[in-house]
């Protein structure tokens, strides 16, 4: 679990009135210009049949190349 957080660094209130309860960009905890959200990161890799299929294709290509080289080059 990671915590994703963001803080307001620039404000543009009309008519240029400052924020009365926080100062943008000061990294001070507890102000209302900071927000955080816990995030769960997960990594999923391919399944076994996918890897077996890729290995079979790769070996077939290499074997076919060896056969063709032996037949036409050597």
N, C-alpha and C. Protein backbone atom coordinates (compact mmCIF):
# COMPACT_ATOMS: atom_id res chain seq x y z
N UNK A 1 0.84 -1.18 0.00
CA UNK A 1 0.00 0.00 0.00
C UNK A 1 0.89 1.24 0.00
N UNK A 2 0.60 2.14 -0.87
CA UNK A 2 1.30 3.42 -0.98
C UNK A 2 0.31 4.53 -0.72
N UNK A 3 0.81 5.69 -0.33
CA UNK A 3 -0.07 6.84 -0.12
C UNK A 3 0.23 7.87 -1.20
N UNK A 4 -0.77 8.17 -1.99
CA UNK A 4 -0.67 9.19 -3.03
C UNK A 4 -1.18 10.50 -2.43
N UNK A 5 -0.38 11.55 -2.51
CA UNK A 5 -0.81 12.82 -1.93
C UNK A 5 -0.55 13.96 -2.89
N UNK A 6 -1.31 15.02 -2.72
CA UNK A 6 -1.17 16.20 -3.57
C UNK A 6 -1.43 17.44 -2.72
N UNK A 7 -0.76 18.52 -3.10
CA UNK A 7 -0.95 19.80 -2.41
C UNK A 7 -1.13 20.90 -3.45
N UNK A 8 -1.98 21.83 -3.13
CA UNK A 8 -2.17 22.99 -4.00
C UNK A 8 -0.95 23.89 -3.86
N UNK A 9 -0.32 24.23 -4.97
CA UNK A 9 0.87 25.08 -4.93
C UNK A 9 0.60 26.49 -5.44
N UNK A 10 -0.52 26.67 -6.13
CA UNK A 10 -0.81 27.99 -6.66
C UNK A 10 -2.32 28.19 -6.61
N UNK A 11 -2.75 29.34 -6.13
CA UNK A 11 -4.18 29.63 -6.13
C UNK A 11 -4.45 30.95 -6.85
N UNK A 12 -5.63 31.07 -7.37
CA UNK A 12 -6.02 32.28 -8.07
C UNK A 12 -7.47 32.58 -7.69
N UNK A 13 -7.64 33.12 -6.50
CA UNK A 13 -8.97 33.45 -6.02
C UNK A 13 -9.41 34.79 -6.58
N UNK A 14 -10.69 34.92 -6.80
CA UNK A 14 -11.24 36.19 -7.28
C UNK A 14 -11.83 36.94 -6.12
N UNK A 15 -11.67 38.16 -5.93
CA UNK A 15 -10.73 39.06 -6.62
C UNK A 15 -9.38 39.10 -5.89
N UNK A 16 -8.54 38.14 -6.13
CA UNK A 16 -7.19 38.03 -5.56
C UNK A 16 -7.20 38.09 -4.04
N UNK A 17 -8.12 37.37 -3.44
CA UNK A 17 -8.14 37.29 -1.98
C UNK A 17 -7.35 36.08 -1.54
N UNK A 18 -6.49 36.21 -0.54
CA UNK A 18 -5.67 35.07 -0.11
C UNK A 18 -6.51 34.02 0.62
N UNK A 19 -6.02 32.80 0.62
CA UNK A 19 -6.68 31.72 1.34
C UNK A 19 -6.47 31.96 2.84
N UNK A 20 -7.54 31.97 3.60
CA UNK A 20 -7.43 32.37 5.01
C UNK A 20 -6.99 31.24 5.92
N UNK A 21 -7.09 29.97 5.49
CA UNK A 21 -6.74 28.88 6.39
C UNK A 21 -5.60 27.99 5.90
N UNK A 22 -4.91 28.39 4.85
CA UNK A 22 -3.74 27.63 4.39
C UNK A 22 -2.89 28.49 3.48
N UNK A 23 -1.64 28.05 3.36
CA UNK A 23 -0.69 28.73 2.47
C UNK A 23 -0.23 27.72 1.42
N UNK A 24 -0.48 27.98 0.15
CA UNK A 24 -0.12 27.02 -0.89
C UNK A 24 1.39 26.75 -0.94
N UNK A 25 1.74 25.47 -1.11
CA UNK A 25 3.12 25.07 -1.36
C UNK A 25 4.04 25.06 -0.17
N UNK A 26 3.54 25.00 1.07
CA UNK A 26 4.46 25.01 2.20
C UNK A 26 4.65 23.64 2.84
N UNK A 27 4.01 22.59 2.31
CA UNK A 27 4.13 21.21 2.80
C UNK A 27 3.84 21.08 4.30
N UNK A 28 2.94 21.85 4.82
CA UNK A 28 2.59 21.80 6.24
C UNK A 28 1.39 20.88 6.43
N UNK A 29 1.54 19.79 7.19
CA UNK A 29 0.42 18.88 7.42
C UNK A 29 -0.71 19.56 8.19
N UNK A 30 -1.92 19.12 7.94
CA UNK A 30 -3.06 19.64 8.67
C UNK A 30 -3.81 20.75 7.97
N UNK A 31 -3.25 21.34 6.95
CA UNK A 31 -3.95 22.38 6.21
C UNK A 31 -4.91 21.74 5.22
N UNK A 32 -5.91 22.50 4.79
CA UNK A 32 -6.90 21.92 3.90
C UNK A 32 -6.48 21.94 2.43
N UNK A 33 -5.25 22.34 2.12
CA UNK A 33 -4.79 22.31 0.73
C UNK A 33 -3.99 21.04 0.41
N UNK A 34 -3.93 20.10 1.35
CA UNK A 34 -3.25 18.82 1.13
C UNK A 34 -4.30 17.71 1.18
N UNK A 35 -4.22 16.77 0.23
CA UNK A 35 -5.13 15.65 0.22
C UNK A 35 -4.32 14.39 -0.05
N UNK A 36 -4.70 13.30 0.58
CA UNK A 36 -4.01 12.05 0.34
C UNK A 36 -5.02 10.92 0.15
N UNK A 37 -4.54 9.86 -0.50
CA UNK A 37 -5.38 8.70 -0.75
C UNK A 37 -4.50 7.46 -0.76
N UNK A 38 -4.83 6.46 0.06
CA UNK A 38 -4.07 5.21 0.01
C UNK A 38 -4.38 4.45 -1.27
N UNK A 39 -3.33 3.87 -1.86
CA UNK A 39 -3.46 3.15 -3.13
C UNK A 39 -2.78 1.80 -2.98
N UNK A 40 -3.43 0.75 -3.42
CA UNK A 40 -2.82 -0.58 -3.39
C UNK A 40 -2.32 -0.89 -4.80
N UNK A 41 -1.02 -1.17 -4.91
CA UNK A 41 -0.41 -1.47 -6.20
C UNK A 41 -0.32 -2.98 -6.36
N UNK A 42 -0.67 -3.49 -7.52
CA UNK A 42 -0.58 -4.92 -7.80
C UNK A 42 0.02 -5.12 -9.18
N UNK A 43 0.86 -6.13 -9.30
CA UNK A 43 1.47 -6.46 -10.58
C UNK A 43 1.03 -7.86 -10.96
N UNK A 44 0.50 -8.00 -12.16
CA UNK A 44 0.06 -9.30 -12.64
C UNK A 44 0.84 -9.61 -13.91
N UNK A 45 1.48 -10.76 -13.92
CA UNK A 45 2.20 -11.18 -15.12
C UNK A 45 1.34 -12.16 -15.89
N UNK A 46 1.82 -12.57 -17.03
CA UNK A 46 1.07 -13.48 -17.88
C UNK A 46 0.88 -14.85 -17.25
N UNK A 47 -0.02 -15.62 -17.81
CA UNK A 47 -0.30 -16.96 -17.29
C UNK A 47 0.64 -17.98 -17.94
N UNK A 48 0.70 -19.17 -17.37
CA UNK A 48 1.59 -20.22 -17.86
C UNK A 48 1.34 -20.60 -19.31
N UNK A 49 0.08 -20.78 -19.73
CA UNK A 49 -0.13 -21.13 -21.16
C UNK A 49 0.42 -20.08 -22.12
N UNK A 50 0.39 -18.82 -21.74
CA UNK A 50 0.93 -17.77 -22.60
C UNK A 50 2.43 -17.94 -22.76
N UNK A 51 3.13 -18.19 -21.64
CA UNK A 51 4.57 -18.37 -21.71
C UNK A 51 4.94 -19.63 -22.50
N UNK A 52 4.19 -20.71 -22.31
CA UNK A 52 4.47 -21.95 -23.05
C UNK A 52 4.29 -21.71 -24.54
N UNK A 53 3.25 -21.01 -24.91
CA UNK A 53 3.01 -20.70 -26.33
C UNK A 53 4.13 -19.85 -26.92
N UNK A 54 4.58 -18.85 -26.17
CA UNK A 54 5.69 -18.01 -26.66
C UNK A 54 6.98 -18.81 -26.83
N UNK A 55 7.26 -19.71 -25.89
CA UNK A 55 8.47 -20.53 -26.00
C UNK A 55 8.38 -21.45 -27.21
N UNK A 56 7.23 -22.05 -27.44
CA UNK A 56 7.06 -22.93 -28.60
C UNK A 56 7.25 -22.16 -29.91
N UNK A 57 6.69 -20.97 -29.98
CA UNK A 57 6.85 -20.14 -31.19
C UNK A 57 8.31 -19.76 -31.39
N UNK A 58 9.00 -19.36 -30.32
CA UNK A 58 10.40 -18.95 -30.43
C UNK A 58 11.28 -20.12 -30.86
N UNK A 59 11.07 -21.28 -30.27
CA UNK A 59 11.87 -22.46 -30.64
C UNK A 59 11.57 -22.87 -32.08
N UNK A 60 10.33 -22.75 -32.52
CA UNK A 60 9.98 -23.09 -33.91
C UNK A 60 10.67 -22.15 -34.89
N UNK A 61 10.72 -20.88 -34.58
CA UNK A 61 11.38 -19.92 -35.46
C UNK A 61 12.87 -20.21 -35.55
N UNK A 62 13.51 -20.46 -34.41
CA UNK A 62 14.95 -20.76 -34.42
C UNK A 62 15.22 -22.07 -35.16
N UNK A 63 14.43 -23.10 -34.90
CA UNK A 63 14.63 -24.39 -35.57
C UNK A 63 14.41 -24.24 -37.08
N UNK A 64 13.38 -23.52 -37.46
CA UNK A 64 13.14 -23.29 -38.89
C UNK A 64 14.29 -22.55 -39.54
N UNK A 65 14.85 -21.57 -38.85
CA UNK A 65 15.99 -20.84 -39.38
C UNK A 65 17.21 -21.73 -39.55
N UNK A 66 17.45 -22.61 -38.58
CA UNK A 66 18.60 -23.53 -38.67
C UNK A 66 18.41 -24.48 -39.85
N UNK A 67 17.22 -25.01 -40.03
CA UNK A 67 16.96 -25.94 -41.14
C UNK A 67 17.16 -25.22 -42.47
N UNK A 68 16.63 -24.02 -42.61
CA UNK A 68 16.76 -23.28 -43.86
C UNK A 68 18.21 -22.90 -44.14
N UNK A 69 18.96 -22.53 -43.12
CA UNK A 69 20.38 -22.20 -43.32
C UNK A 69 21.15 -23.42 -43.76
N UNK A 70 20.90 -24.57 -43.11
CA UNK A 70 21.60 -25.79 -43.48
C UNK A 70 21.23 -26.22 -44.91
N UNK A 71 20.00 -26.01 -45.29
CA UNK A 71 19.54 -26.45 -46.61
C UNK A 71 20.08 -25.55 -47.73
N UNK A 72 20.06 -24.22 -47.53
CA UNK A 72 20.41 -23.33 -48.63
C UNK A 72 21.80 -22.69 -48.53
N UNK A 73 22.40 -22.66 -47.36
CA UNK A 73 23.68 -21.99 -47.22
C UNK A 73 24.83 -22.98 -47.11
N UNK A 74 24.66 -23.99 -46.33
CA UNK A 74 25.78 -24.92 -46.07
C UNK A 74 25.74 -26.07 -47.04
